[in-house]
Amino acid sequence: MELYVSRRTILKSAGSIVGTAALGSGTLLALNALAPREAQAMRAAAGSYQIRYTADTMCPAECGMEMWVKDGQVAKIYGNKAVPMNDGACCAKGASGQQLIYSPYRLKQPLIRVGARGEGKFRVASWDEALDLVAKKLTAIKKTHGAESVVMDAGDVTDRDQYYRLFFAYGTPNCTEHGAICDTPRRHGPRLMLGGKRIEPDLMRPQLVRQPDGSLKQDYTYRSKLIIYNGWNPFVATRIAYESRGTVAAMVEAGCKVVVIDPALSNTAAKADIWLAPRAGTDGDLFGAMLRFILENDNQNDPNRKYIDWSFKKYSVGWEDFEPAFKSWWAKPDPVNGLGYFSLEWAANRTGLAKEKIAELAHMFGITKPAALVWGMQSPGHHFNGYCCSIIGTVLNVITGNFDVPGGVIDTELVKSDKGGSATGKQFKSRKVTRMIGGKEVEGEVEHLHMDLFGSKYPAGWDEVVADFPNAMMEGVDLRYGPFRGFKYPMKAYVLRTGNSVYTGSAPYKWKDAITAKDKAGNYKLDLFAVIDTLYLESALYADVILPEASYVERQSLADIYPSAPVMYNRDAVIAPLHECKKPTEIMNLLAKRLAELGDKDLKGSDFWEKYHTEEDFVNEMLEPSPGRPNIGTPLPYPKYPEGYKLVGTPDSLERGEATVNHDKKEVRGKPVTVEWLRANKGVAIWPMSWQRYKKVGSDEPNKVFPNTSTKLIEFKFDWVDAGKRFGGYSKYNEKLEKAGGEVPLGLKRVGFDKFPSTFFWFETVWNPHTNVAYQKYAREYPFQLICGKVHHTMSGTQMIPWLGEVKCEGTWQPLNDAFEAQIPEAQPMGPDAMKEMKHKFAANSYSVGTVWMNDEDAKGLKLKTGDLVDVGNPLGKQTRGKVFTSGGMRPGVIKMGFGTGGRFSPGMGPAYESRKYTPLHNELMDPDALSPIMGFPAYADMVVKVSKI
């Protein structure tokens, strides 16, 4: 069945999206719009507040915020107009920050486990006692098993650098963060071909642009004519804040057409010109058909079919390899349907979309300039074969001339300001160490002990393989590449900071089994599980010790965002830490000092407590390399300096010429960006925008500075040798395999590869009976494909906030609760005291909860209606329970659940905890062994299920 809906049809049934506008236009309030007496009264009231500029973490967008503090409390929250990421906007998530800061469910004191792991039984401890427990465990593990047996997972939010520094210095290379279980397949194409990560439309406004007269001006002009969002829903769940308002602005101001490809009628799809609803997991099929159509039908002599901008070949290498490799599939019969790959008929059969609509989409994208093709986290990012789709999407943007052009797409990872520098401590990974292997002492570097990059399974896991941690806890780590080949070590300690991997890192039951597994002596195989967090999430129930960290308004760091030009802004400490919570810098120093006192010679005062007396000291070191991007593109950001030289320093010092030029290093260095400078400039530094950063100004020649690949060109080849030197994104991984005698890692074996591919490759996803013959046997008994999606929350972390529970979101977050009573913070702090707690009764169907969203015709066939309780089961014998929400806004045969929105089994989730028995836990149904073959990413969105009414 095909679903194709025009905007005219959508607007008849879809409600409009409500945005929240920020007050003011560059000042604290638009006082000039008030009557004189009102303005005077407002100024007097404002004078009693302290104003702090910071960065939000109420969701991954990390918007620039302006917070008003009175009597040491956060009294008012606004968006920061000076930050272009959100341009002064403050959505419901940001505005509800007080309900997290003053939540009764926050972690307030150090806790030490007194029951079994998972029972959630703890006693209150002092910081000295808790840190002593952690330090003694780490010391013993290092002596017995080696520092590499410890894993630091910095989790869901930013501000992780202090923990990286501590554990790199301790001696483990195994430090990771949330990106490893976020969407690495989605990022793979840009990483391979561009050396970047994240393709986004050119929608960030304002942009600081150099004018023809040499001046700098803020530009609000939108230029995009077409945006295609595939599996991407910026109106609900994104860390790219400017996309939501920018998409609408481009539609209104530039006549931009928007196409959304998604089995579900998302909020973004509801406002699009066209909604296409393919079968789940067929994104790569659709992109492949678009690429074949464009290659077969491009006609440079026909303005209506001039799809390809062949100038891309000047700035790239390897097209002569990629194109024939892609075309070689055209004549291969697909075992599913017998048709040649990537033809319109083939794609129609697999996606369920009419071939005419696929051709129309390909033609529209090929002929419209500028255009942007963007793909999302859930799809293809959460599919086993999302790599293939990501590569083809990158190719489509490049060959049509839409990469890094005004109104096109930008790889935001390549242009964001540099930060971290030596503060992150990566230099410690080059420390020399020895290990005994086969009775011989072998020398290498700490980095060579990395459990993934030199392990037997996923040596290209450049964002680490968090979903494989349960296996490492149970089986240990087997190094098969690098100088320590043949060395094995156990995973003995897991330090989790602000993450919730037990709940979100793949199937929770596998994590629970691994963390609670015991050896023959009755001891836990994992010697230490420590949690550092502000919130009491599910993972903390299994911890041995919990250290309460200051919330995002009580600590200082830098926002980690994806702009279209270099931007850096300060997450300033707005208030002092509440309760007994401590800041990351203090936790780092205290634990480093205790380890040193216990005899660890790798932890030195000169690297920690003697070096960083305050958070500001640490952040200033993080700022040293900013912006760290080259002076390239049109218009040239700083025409007074040499093209291609790296820029370091504050925007104003570079603009005024207060910089030194080092021709040997090809660097321009102005006055350093510091915390003091940021505070004096509303918390933000903004450097000029440019486009076409891959070529010299006024020339069609590549500048060989951008993008960040081995050749400094766009690479359609992933591994090759030229003049004795190896190039390409997979080259260093294949080199490891060759030095190990051609040993093939487990991930590649699964898809039949004997090495990492040198150019275009293809393999099928798992658990999809429409595209993979191995799973067709499940189609009858399990007729539904299960997908997942984000709602308006911080990963799994903010569902204790009542305000956000009272906001519904598409079909996955609806007011279908049973009546319950919960402790909550009052609506707003009043008087001299902090926000108070109160007990509140929530009536039935007044509070939003995670649901099982399905098509209304499918529901009728099962005699279901909205609100009915169902069991959803998979072929692995696992099931979850939830209430159904039915609508026509879901492709038949597809079911969607919120990611991390149901089955909340930690009491720290407050109101969300009360609905745990009737809200679905999506991850309980995923296949924990379906880790994608290149980077070991969990296939969250690949499963078939059946639905039974209770």
Foldseek 3Di string as FASTA:
>chain_A
DWDKDFLVVLVVPDDADDFAAFADQQDNHPLVVDDPVVSVVVVVVLVQWDWDWFFDVQALLRFIKIFTDHLQEGFFIWGHCVDLLQNTGDGPSNRLVQQLQPWPLWDFAKWFDDDAFLPLHTDGDHPVVQLLVVLVLCLVCCVPFNLQLEAEEAEFHDPCLLVLQLSLLLQHPHYFYDVLQFFQLLQQQCCFFFVFGFKDWQQRFQFFAQDPVRDTDTDNDAAAAEEEEEADAQCFHDSRRRCNVRVVCCCVRVVHAYEYEDLFCFSVNSNGRMYTRWPPQCLLQLLLLLVVLLVVQQDCVDLLNPQFDVLQVQFEPDPVPFVVVSVVQQPPQAPLHGHGGNHLVVSCLQGVHHSVVSSVVSSVPRNDPPYEYGYDRQPPRQFLFSNQSSNSRVVSCRGRPQEFDRRGMYRLRQAAAAFDPCSSNPVSQQDKDWDAAPNDIWIGGSNCSHQACQFQAFVLQPNAFLLCVLVLLVPFGAGCFDRCHRDTGGNAEYEYEHHACCQRVFAVVSVVCSLSDDDPVRHRSRNAYEYEERFQASSVSRGSMYAYAFDLLAEKAWRDGGHQHYKIFIRDNNGHGPRPHYHSLVVSQVSLVSSVVVPSPSRDCCSHCVQDVDRQSSRLNRQFCTRQHFQFAPPGQQVVADGGATEAAAQVQSNVVQWDADPVNSHTYHHTDGQVVCRVVSGMGHTGHHGPRQPHPPDSHGPQRGDPFPRNGRYQWAWDADPRDIGTVQHVVQVRCVVSVQNAHNLCVVQPDSGDGGHNDDDGTPQDLSRDVVNVVCCPVQVAFETEAAGNGHQQGDLLRQSVQQDAGRFFWFLAAAKDKWKGFPPRDDDSDRTDIDIDIDHRSRTIAGAWEAEPVVQVVQPHAFNFKKWKAFPVGWIWIATYHYDNRRNHRYIYHYANGELRCGCSSIPRNVRNRHHGSQSNHFDSVSQRRHNGHGSSRRTTIDMHTD
